[in-house]
Amino acid sequence: MRPRHNLVEIFSTFLQFDADRLSGWVTEPRLRRSMRRCLEQSSSASTTDYFWALYWYKIWQAHSESLAEAHLSAYLQEVGYWAAQKTATSFASSQYTLADCFQIAIARIGTVLKGFNPQQGFSLKNYAASLFSSAIKELLRQRQEIDICTDWAMLRKLSQKRLVESLQNAGLPHDAIARHVLAWNCFKTLYVPHQATATRKLAQPDAETWAAIAKLYNAERLNQIAVTEPQTSAETLEKWLLASAKAARAYLYPNFVSINAPQPGQEAGEFIDNLPETSQDSVLTQLIAEEEQRHRQDQLSQINRVLTHAIANLDDTAQQLLQMYYQQNATQQQMAAQLEMKQYTISRRLTKARETLLLALAQWSRDTLHITLTSDVLKDTSTVLEEWLQTHYSPSDSLSRPEQSP
């Protein structure tokens, strides 16, 4: 599988299969335009796929019907592929191909997004990989069971709750659902397999059993549906039960359709074309601001470490002078009297200490921020140093630090 190298590809292309073989990447034009537009509007934003995954996730949280889910589906294509490949190998005897397993995984995108919580410390890819694998395995186990079941065996295994949900999903009205459920209850009551081990290959009831089912249904309909409900034949009950089985299979084990598949009855156009576009500026601005804030905090932490280390490397007298000058607000005359030193010595040593700290900060700026050390840069750096010293030695800050030896 060819890796995707740029952000536009990562968030706008989908894997394409030829039968069970991977044939390459297919670009979705709308997603490509959407991603390019976002990158053009955010030249200062991070260029990592993690940043944009979080961005589209926040869009999805605000607008679940937006393009965000499609972008995230594109983002997680490789994760779905590797989960499918690993699981398909484990189920080698299954009739489901690698492409089938991949579609099972990608169909769980909505579940992944609903369960994902970036505050828990793991990435969206890692979370999706775990959920994809478990979803494929579970569905394959269920399908292996259900595929060898006849309609009659499946109806016996089905719960009433699932049957009602299946019929509702099929669009049946309330009164029709009541009839189908009553027919199903009569079927389960009267058609009990003689051999428990043969239930998956259960054949349809014989004529005598169908007659008994119809008799029970027509008796119960007066109490459970309505006294005006007409009698129903065994043939009609059979049709209702087969329709129930079909609805249950469609609801519990649906076929997976790619968002890039043509719309039904149309040669052109895709399902994804119906996804509305939404305004994304506010969320993008928020994410950029959050990242810039984190970046500033990281830089401030680095500056603090550099200068704290530089102060620790000064001799004891220089450290004491800095503490007296910035923390105690002592004048040079007061410092000279207290330390019994000449004032010009105090001035020279203070200047030397600041120059040492300025050099350490300037070297960090050059090596980390790749800043050329011009006179203007050094002037600005000197201002930053002075502000840092004022803050570092402020009384409120000193309370949270161990005392420095005089």
Protein backbone atom coordinates (compact mmCIF):
# COMPACT_ATOMS: atom_id res chain seq x y z
CA MET A 1 0.00 0.00 0.00
CA ARG A 2 1.48 3.33 -1.07
CA PRO A 3 1.76 5.68 1.91
CA ARG A 4 0.12 9.11 1.76
CA HIS A 5 2.61 11.93 2.19
CA ASN A 6 0.69 15.22 2.46
CA LEU A 7 -2.25 16.49 4.46
CA VAL A 8 -4.55 16.94 1.48
CA GLU A 9 -4.13 13.27 0.54
CA ILE A 10 -4.46 12.05 4.12
CA PHE A 11 -7.80 13.75 4.61
CA SER A 12 -9.36 13.35 1.15
CA THR A 13 -8.42 9.96 -0.32
CA PHE A 14 -9.93 6.50 0.13
CA LEU A 15 -8.68 2.98 -0.44
CA GLN A 16 -10.11 1.24 -3.49
CA PHE A 17 -10.37 -2.54 -3.86
CA ASP A 18 -10.54 -4.66 -6.99
CA ALA A 19 -12.35 -7.77 -5.76
CA ASP A 20 -10.28 -8.61 -2.68
CA ARG A 21 -7.10 -6.88 -3.81
CA LEU A 22 -6.07 -3.35 -2.97
CA SER A 23 -5.86 -1.30 -6.17
CA GLY A 24 -4.82 2.12 -4.82
CA TRP A 25 -6.09 5.46 -3.57
CA VAL A 26 -9.06 7.39 -4.93
CA THR A 27 -9.43 11.12 -4.32
CA GLU A 28 -12.78 12.60 -3.33
CA PRO A 29 -12.89 16.06 -5.00
CA ARG A 30 -15.09 17.73 -2.41
CA LEU A 31 -12.85 16.67 0.47
CA ARG A 32 -9.77 17.73 -1.46
CA ARG A 33 -11.23 21.22 -2.01
CA SER A 34 -12.29 21.43 1.62
CA MET A 35 -8.84 20.47 2.92
CA ARG A 36 -7.01 22.80 0.57
CA ARG A 37 -9.24 25.68 1.58
CA CYS A 38 -8.56 25.04 5.28
CA LEU A 39 -4.80 24.90 4.73
CA GLU A 40 -4.87 28.13 2.74
CA GLN A 41 -6.79 29.86 5.53
CA SER A 42 -4.44 28.64 8.24
CA SER A 43 -0.89 29.14 7.09
CA SER A 44 0.20 29.53 10.70
CA ALA A 45 -1.42 26.30 11.86
CA SER A 46 0.39 23.09 12.64
CA THR A 47 1.25 20.86 9.69
CA THR A 48 0.80 17.59 11.61
CA ASP A 49 -1.99 15.16 10.80
CA TYR A 50 -2.66 14.87 14.55
CA PHE A 51 -3.55 18.58 14.67
CA TRP A 52 -5.98 18.28 11.76
CA ALA A 53 -7.51 15.07 13.09
CA LEU A 54 -8.30 16.94 16.30
CA TYR A 55 -9.61 19.88 14.26
CA TRP A 56 -12.04 17.73 12.24
CA TYR A 57 -13.05 15.87 15.40
CA LYS A 58 -14.09 19.15 17.01
CA ILE A 59 -15.99 20.07 13.84
CA TRP A 60 -17.74 16.70 14.02
CA GLN A 61 -18.68 17.31 17.65
CA ALA A 62 -20.33 20.60 16.69
CA HIS A 63 -21.82 19.44 13.36
CA SER A 64 -22.16 15.65 13.20
CA GLU A 65 -23.67 15.83 9.68
CA SER A 66 -20.82 17.90 8.23
CA LEU A 67 -17.91 16.89 6.02
CA ALA A 68 -15.88 16.28 9.17
CA GLU A 69 -16.84 12.61 9.43
CA ALA A 70 -15.86 12.06 5.80
CA HIS A 71 -12.48 13.72 6.40
CA LEU A 72 -11.92 11.53 9.45
CA SER A 73 -12.99 8.45 7.52
CA ALA A 74 -10.29 9.28 4.97
CA TYR A 75 -7.79 9.85 7.77
CA LEU A 76 -8.45 6.40 9.27
CA GLN A 77 -8.24 4.41 6.03
CA GLU A 78 -4.86 2.82 6.80
CA VAL A 79 -5.97 1.99 10.34
CA GLY A 80 -9.06 0.23 8.98
CA TYR A 81 -7.01 -1.62 6.37
CA TRP A 82 -4.44 -3.03 8.80
CA ALA A 83 -7.15 -4.00 11.30
CA ALA A 84 -9.05 -5.75 8.49
CA GLN A 85 -5.98 -7.54 7.19
CA LYS A 86 -5.00 -8.84 10.62
CA THR A 87 -8.52 -9.97 11.48
CA ALA A 88 -9.25 -11.50 8.07
CA THR A 89 -6.15 -13.66 8.48
CA SER A 90 -7.43 -14.91 11.84
CA PHE A 91 -10.79 -15.84 10.24
CA ALA A 92 -9.28 -17.61 7.25
CA SER A 93 -12.25 -19.96 6.96
CA SER A 94 -14.73 -17.10 6.74
CA GLN A 95 -16.38 -16.28 3.45
CA TYR A 96 -15.79 -12.59 4.12
CA THR A 97 -12.89 -11.08 2.21
CA LEU A 98 -10.35 -8.44 3.19
CA ALA A 99 -12.50 -5.85 1.41
CA ASP A 100 -15.55 -6.98 3.42
CA CYS A 101 -13.64 -6.69 6.69
CA PHE A 102 -12.37 -3.26 5.69
CA GLN A 103 -15.92 -2.06 5.01
CA ILE A 104 -17.03 -3.45 8.39
CA ALA A 105 -14.31 -1.39 10.07
CA ILE A 106 -14.96 1.86 8.20
CA ALA A 107 -18.68 1.53 8.86
CA ARG A 108 -17.82 1.94 12.56
CA ILE A 109 -16.43 5.47 12.12
CA GLY A 110 -19.43 6.98 13.89
CA THR A 111 -18.97 4.64 16.85
CA VAL A 112 -15.26 5.52 17.01
CA LEU A 113 -15.98 9.24 17.08
CA LYS A 114 -18.69 8.91 19.72
CA GLY A 115 -16.41 6.94 22.04
CA PHE A 116 -13.19 8.85 21.45
CA ASN A 117 -12.02 11.23 24.17
CA PRO A 118 -8.80 13.16 23.40
CA GLN A 119 -8.48 14.04 27.10
CA GLN A 120 -7.69 10.41 27.95
CA GLY A 121 -4.24 10.67 26.38
CA PHE A 122 -4.38 8.32 23.41
CA SER A 123 -4.59 9.23 19.74
CA LEU A 124 -7.60 8.79 17.48
CA LYS A 125 -5.67 6.27 15.36
CA ASN A 126 -4.83 4.06 18.33
CA TYR A 127 -8.38 4.18 19.63
CA ALA A 128 -9.82 3.40 16.19
CA ALA A 129 -7.43 0.49 15.66
CA SER A 130 -8.61 -1.18 18.86
CA LEU A 131 -12.29 -0.62 18.15
CA PHE A 132 -12.02 -1.65 14.48
CA SER A 133 -10.40 -4.97 15.37
CA SER A 134 -12.95 -5.87 18.04
CA ALA A 135 -15.87 -4.79 15.82
CA ILE A 136 -14.69 -6.92 12.88
CA LYS A 137 -14.09 -9.97 15.08
CA GLU A 138 -17.46 -9.71 16.79
CA LEU A 139 -19.40 -9.20 13.59
CA LEU A 140 -17.62 -12.07 11.85
CA ARG A 141 -18.46 -14.36 14.75
CA GLN A 142 -22.09 -13.32 14.58
CA ARG A 143 -22.21 -13.63 10.83
CA GLN A 144 -20.61 -17.06 10.86
CA GLU A 145 -23.45 -18.08 13.15
CA ILE A 146 -26.25 -16.31 11.32
CA ASP A 147 -25.14 -17.26 7.81
CA ILE A 148 -25.54 -20.97 8.50
CA CYS A 149 -28.92 -20.42 10.12
CA THR A 150 -32.09 -20.83 8.11
CA ASP A 151 -34.74 -18.14 8.41
CA TRP A 152 -36.68 -20.34 10.81
CA ALA A 153 -33.64 -20.97 12.99
CA MET A 154 -32.82 -17.28 13.10
CA LEU A 155 -36.40 -16.40 14.08
CA ARG A 156 -36.12 -18.78 17.02
CA LYS A 157 -32.85 -17.16 18.14
CA LEU A 158 -34.16 -13.61 17.75
CA SER A 159 -35.36 -11.63 20.77
CA GLN A 160 -38.64 -9.72 20.64
CA LYS A 161 -36.80 -6.44 21.22
CA ARG A 162 -34.58 -7.01 18.17
CA LEU A 163 -37.56 -8.12 16.10
CA VAL A 164 -39.47 -4.93 16.89
CA GLU A 165 -36.41 -2.78 16.12
CA SER A 166 -35.94 -4.61 12.81
CA LEU A 167 -39.55 -4.12 11.78
CA GLN A 168 -39.41 -0.45 12.77
CA ASN A 169 -36.24 -0.06 10.73
CA ALA A 170 -38.05 -1.64 7.76
CA GLY A 171 -40.72 1.07 8.01
CA LEU A 172 -43.70 -1.02 9.11
CA PRO A 173 -46.52 0.84 10.87
CA HIS A 174 -47.42 0.10 14.47
CA ASP A 175 -50.41 -2.16 13.73
CA ALA A 176 -48.42 -4.23 11.20
CA ILE A 177 -45.59 -4.66 13.72
CA ALA A 178 -48.11 -5.93 16.29
CA ARG A 179 -49.34 -8.56 13.81
CA HIS A 180 -45.82 -9.69 12.91
CA VAL A 181 -44.79 -9.95 16.57
CA LEU A 182 -47.88 -11.98 17.46
CA ALA A 183 -47.22 -14.31 14.53
CA TRP A 184 -43.61 -14.71 15.70
CA ASN A 185 -44.69 -15.51 19.28
CA CYS A 186 -47.13 -18.16 18.04
CA PHE A 187 -44.39 -19.63 15.83
CA LYS A 188 -41.92 -19.86 18.73
CA THR A 189 -44.55 -21.34 21.03
CA LEU A 190 -45.59 -24.17 18.72
CA TYR A 191 -42.55 -24.90 16.57
CA VAL A 192 -39.90 -26.34 18.90
CA PRO A 193 -37.08 -28.38 17.31
CA HIS A 194 -36.78 -31.96 18.51
CA GLN A 195 -32.97 -31.94 18.38
CA ALA A 196 -31.20 -28.97 19.99
CA THR A 197 -28.02 -29.58 17.99
CA ALA A 198 -29.84 -29.18 14.68
CA THR A 199 -31.45 -25.82 15.37
CA ARG A 200 -29.25 -23.86 12.94
CA LYS A 201 -30.51 -25.93 9.99
CA LEU A 202 -34.10 -25.81 11.12
CA ALA A 203 -36.53 -26.46 8.26
CA GLN A 204 -39.84 -24.71 7.87
CA PRO A 205 -42.84 -26.04 9.81
CA ASP A 206 -44.96 -28.74 8.24
CA ALA A 207 -48.59 -28.23 7.27
CA GLU A 208 -49.91 -29.53 10.59
CA THR A 209 -47.73 -27.11 12.55
CA TRP A 210 -48.72 -24.20 10.31
CA ALA A 211 -52.38 -24.99 10.97
CA ALA A 212 -51.75 -24.97 14.71
CA ILE A 213 -49.87 -21.66 14.48
CA ALA A 214 -52.74 -20.11 12.52
CA LYS A 215 -55.28 -21.39 15.07
CA LEU A 216 -53.31 -19.93 17.99
CA TYR A 217 -52.81 -16.61 16.19
CA ASN A 218 -56.51 -16.21 15.39
CA ALA A 219 -57.40 -16.92 19.02
CA GLU A 220 -54.83 -14.51 20.47
CA ARG A 221 -55.53 -11.71 17.98
CA LEU A 222 -58.79 -10.87 19.75
CA ASN A 223 -56.95 -10.08 23.01
CA GLN A 224 -53.62 -8.75 21.77
CA ILE A 225 -54.58 -6.78 18.65
CA ALA A 226 -58.30 -5.99 18.32
CA VAL A 227 -61.64 -7.77 18.38
CA THR A 228 -62.27 -6.49 14.86
CA GLU A 229 -59.01 -8.01 13.53
CA PRO A 230 -59.91 -10.48 10.74
CA GLN A 231 -58.73 -14.09 10.76
CA THR A 232 -55.41 -14.81 9.07
CA SER A 233 -54.41 -17.88 7.05
CA ALA A 234 -51.32 -19.98 7.57
CA GLU A 235 -49.98 -18.80 4.18
CA THR A 236 -50.19 -15.16 5.28
CA LEU A 237 -48.48 -15.95 8.58
CA GLU A 238 -45.66 -17.65 6.67
CA LYS A 239 -45.19 -14.53 4.52
CA TRP A 240 -45.10 -12.31 7.62
CA LEU A 241 -42.50 -14.51 9.31
CA LEU A 242 -40.28 -14.61 6.24
CA ALA A 243 -40.59 -10.81 5.97
CA SER A 244 -39.60 -10.57 9.65
CA ALA A 245 -36.52 -12.71 9.04
CA LYS A 246 -35.53 -10.56 6.06
CA ALA A 247 -35.98 -7.35 8.08
CA ALA A 248 -33.90 -8.77 10.93
CA ARG A 249 -31.01 -9.73 8.64
CA ALA A 250 -31.07 -6.30 7.02
CA TYR A 251 -31.16 -4.52 10.38
CA LEU A 252 -28.67 -6.61 12.33
CA TYR A 253 -26.23 -7.41 9.52
CA PRO A 254 -26.51 -4.66 6.89
CA ASN A 255 -24.49 -4.50 3.71
CA PHE A 256 -21.76 -1.87 3.77
CA VAL A 257 -21.79 0.84 1.13
CA SER A 258 -18.85 3.16 0.51
CA ILE A 259 -19.53 6.88 0.73
CA ASN A 260 -17.95 7.07 -2.71
CA ALA A 261 -20.46 4.67 -4.26
CA PRO A 262 -22.86 6.11 -6.90
CA GLN A 263 -26.24 7.16 -5.59
CA PRO A 264 -29.05 4.66 -6.31
CA GLY A 265 -30.56 5.19 -9.76
CA GLN A 266 -27.86 7.64 -10.81
CA GLU A 267 -24.78 7.10 -12.93
CA ALA A 268 -23.09 10.22 -11.57
CA GLY A 269 -22.88 11.63 -8.07
CA GLU A 270 -21.93 9.98 -4.78
CA PHE A 271 -23.45 9.66 -1.33
CA ILE A 272 -20.84 12.06 0.01
CA ASP A 273 -22.15 14.80 -2.29
CA ASN A 274 -25.21 15.08 -0.05
CA LEU A 275 -23.15 15.98 2.99
CA PRO A 276 -23.56 19.70 3.75
CA GLU A 277 -20.60 21.99 4.13
CA THR A 278 -20.38 24.01 7.31
CA SER A 279 -18.57 27.07 8.50
CA GLN A 280 -15.28 26.05 10.10
CA ASP A 281 -13.48 29.31 10.81
CA SER A 282 -14.39 29.62 14.49
CA VAL A 283 -13.23 26.13 15.44
CA LEU A 284 -10.07 26.48 13.36
CA THR A 285 -9.28 29.82 14.98
CA GLN A 286 -9.80 28.26 18.40
CA LEU A 287 -7.53 25.32 17.62
CA ILE A 288 -4.80 27.56 16.23
CA ALA A 289 -5.03 29.80 19.29
CA GLU A 290 -4.83 26.77 21.59
CA GLU A 291 -1.79 25.43 19.76
CA GLU A 292 -0.08 28.82 19.77
CA GLN A 293 -0.77 29.10 23.51
CA ARG A 294 0.74 25.68 24.12
CA HIS A 295 3.71 26.68 21.97
CA ARG A 296 4.23 29.87 23.98
CA GLN A 297 3.96 27.99 27.26
CA ASP A 298 6.51 25.47 26.03
CA GLN A 299 8.90 28.25 25.04
CA LEU A 300 8.46 29.97 28.40
CA SER A 301 9.21 26.69 30.17
CA GLN A 302 12.36 26.27 28.11
CA ILE A 303 13.46 29.85 28.82
CA ASN A 304 12.86 29.30 32.52
CA ARG A 305 15.01 26.15 32.50
CA VAL A 306 17.81 27.85 30.53
CA LEU A 307 18.02 30.90 32.79
CA THR A 308 17.54 28.98 36.04
CA HIS A 309 20.41 26.71 35.03
CA ALA A 310 22.53 29.73 34.07
CA ILE A 311 21.91 31.37 37.46
CA ALA A 312 22.83 28.15 39.26
CA ASN A 313 26.21 28.20 37.45
CA LEU A 314 27.03 31.71 38.68
CA ASP A 315 29.25 32.09 41.72
CA ASP A 316 27.61 32.62 45.10
CA THR A 317 28.30 36.37 45.17
CA ALA A 318 26.72 36.95 41.76
CA GLN A 319 23.62 34.96 42.80
CA GLN A 320 23.38 37.01 46.00
CA LEU A 321 23.67 40.29 44.10
CA LEU A 322 20.86 39.31 41.73
CA GLN A 323 18.66 38.29 44.64
CA MET A 324 19.31 41.53 46.56
CA TYR A 325 18.79 43.72 43.49
CA TYR A 326 15.65 42.08 42.03
CA GLN A 327 14.00 40.46 45.05
CA GLN A 328 14.88 42.90 47.88
CA ASN A 329 14.92 45.97 45.60
CA ALA A 330 18.18 47.06 47.23
CA THR A 331 20.13 49.94 45.67
CA GLN A 332 23.77 49.54 44.70
CA GLN A 333 24.76 51.79 47.60
CA GLN A 334 22.80 49.60 50.06
CA MET A 335 24.31 46.44 48.57
CA ALA A 336 27.81 47.91 48.78
CA ALA A 337 27.34 48.86 52.44
CA GLN A 338 25.88 45.49 53.39
CA LEU A 339 28.53 43.45 51.56
CA GLU A 340 31.36 45.88 52.35
CA MET A 341 32.26 46.23 48.69
CA LYS A 342 32.86 49.22 46.45
CA GLN A 343 29.81 50.47 44.52
CA TYR A 344 31.61 50.24 41.18
CA THR A 345 32.43 46.59 42.01
CA ILE A 346 28.74 45.93 42.66
CA SER A 347 27.80 47.60 39.36
CA ARG A 348 30.45 45.68 37.40
CA ARG A 349 29.52 42.31 38.86
CA LEU A 350 25.80 42.88 38.32
CA THR A 351 26.48 43.81 34.71
CA LYS A 352 28.69 40.74 34.28
CA ALA A 353 25.99 38.45 35.74
CA ARG A 354 23.33 39.88 33.41
CA GLU A 355 25.66 39.53 30.42
CA THR A 356 26.19 35.86 31.29
CA LEU A 357 22.44 35.27 31.46
CA LEU A 358 21.89 37.26 28.24
CA LEU A 359 24.47 35.12 26.44
CA ALA A 360 22.75 31.92 27.60
CA LEU A 361 19.35 33.20 26.43
CA ALA A 362 20.74 34.44 23.10
CA GLN A 363 22.41 31.10 22.40
CA TRP A 364 19.15 29.28 23.17
CA SER A 365 17.27 31.60 20.79
CA ARG A 366 19.81 30.95 18.04
CA ASP A 367 19.89 27.16 18.50
CA THR A 368 16.19 26.56 19.19
CA LEU A 369 14.37 29.35 17.35
CA HIS A 370 17.01 29.70 14.61
CA ILE A 371 17.22 33.47 15.14
CA THR A 372 20.17 35.42 13.77
CA LEU A 373 21.74 37.39 16.64
CA THR A 374 21.67 40.95 15.33
CA SER A 375 21.97 44.02 17.54
CA ASP A 376 18.19 44.53 17.44
CA VAL A 377 17.59 40.92 18.43
CA LEU A 378 20.03 41.22 21.33
CA LYS A 379 18.27 44.40 22.45
CA ASP A 380 14.91 42.63 22.43
CA THR A 381 16.42 39.61 24.17
CA SER A 382 17.82 41.89 26.86
CA THR A 383 14.32 43.24 27.47
CA VAL A 384 12.95 39.68 27.75
CA LEU A 385 15.71 38.85 30.23
CA GLU A 386 14.96 41.89 32.39
CA GLU A 387 11.27 41.01 32.52
CA TRP A 388 12.09 37.41 33.39
CA LEU A 389 14.42 38.48 36.23
CA GLN A 390 11.76 40.78 37.66
CA THR A 391 9.24 37.92 37.64
CA HIS A 392 11.67 35.27 38.80
CA TYR A 393 12.74 37.23 41.86
CA SER A 394 9.34 38.72 42.68
CA PRO A 395 8.25 38.06 46.30
CA SER A 396 5.20 36.02 45.23
CA ASP A 397 7.39 33.80 43.06
CA SER A 398 10.10 33.44 45.70
CA LEU A 399 7.59 31.98 48.16
CA SER A 400 7.12 28.98 45.85
CA ARG A 401 10.89 28.37 45.44
CA PRO A 402 13.47 27.13 47.91
CA GLU A 403 15.56 29.92 49.40
CA GLN A 404 18.86 30.59 47.70
CA SER A 405 21.91 30.65 49.94
CA PRO A 406 23.32 34.18 50.50
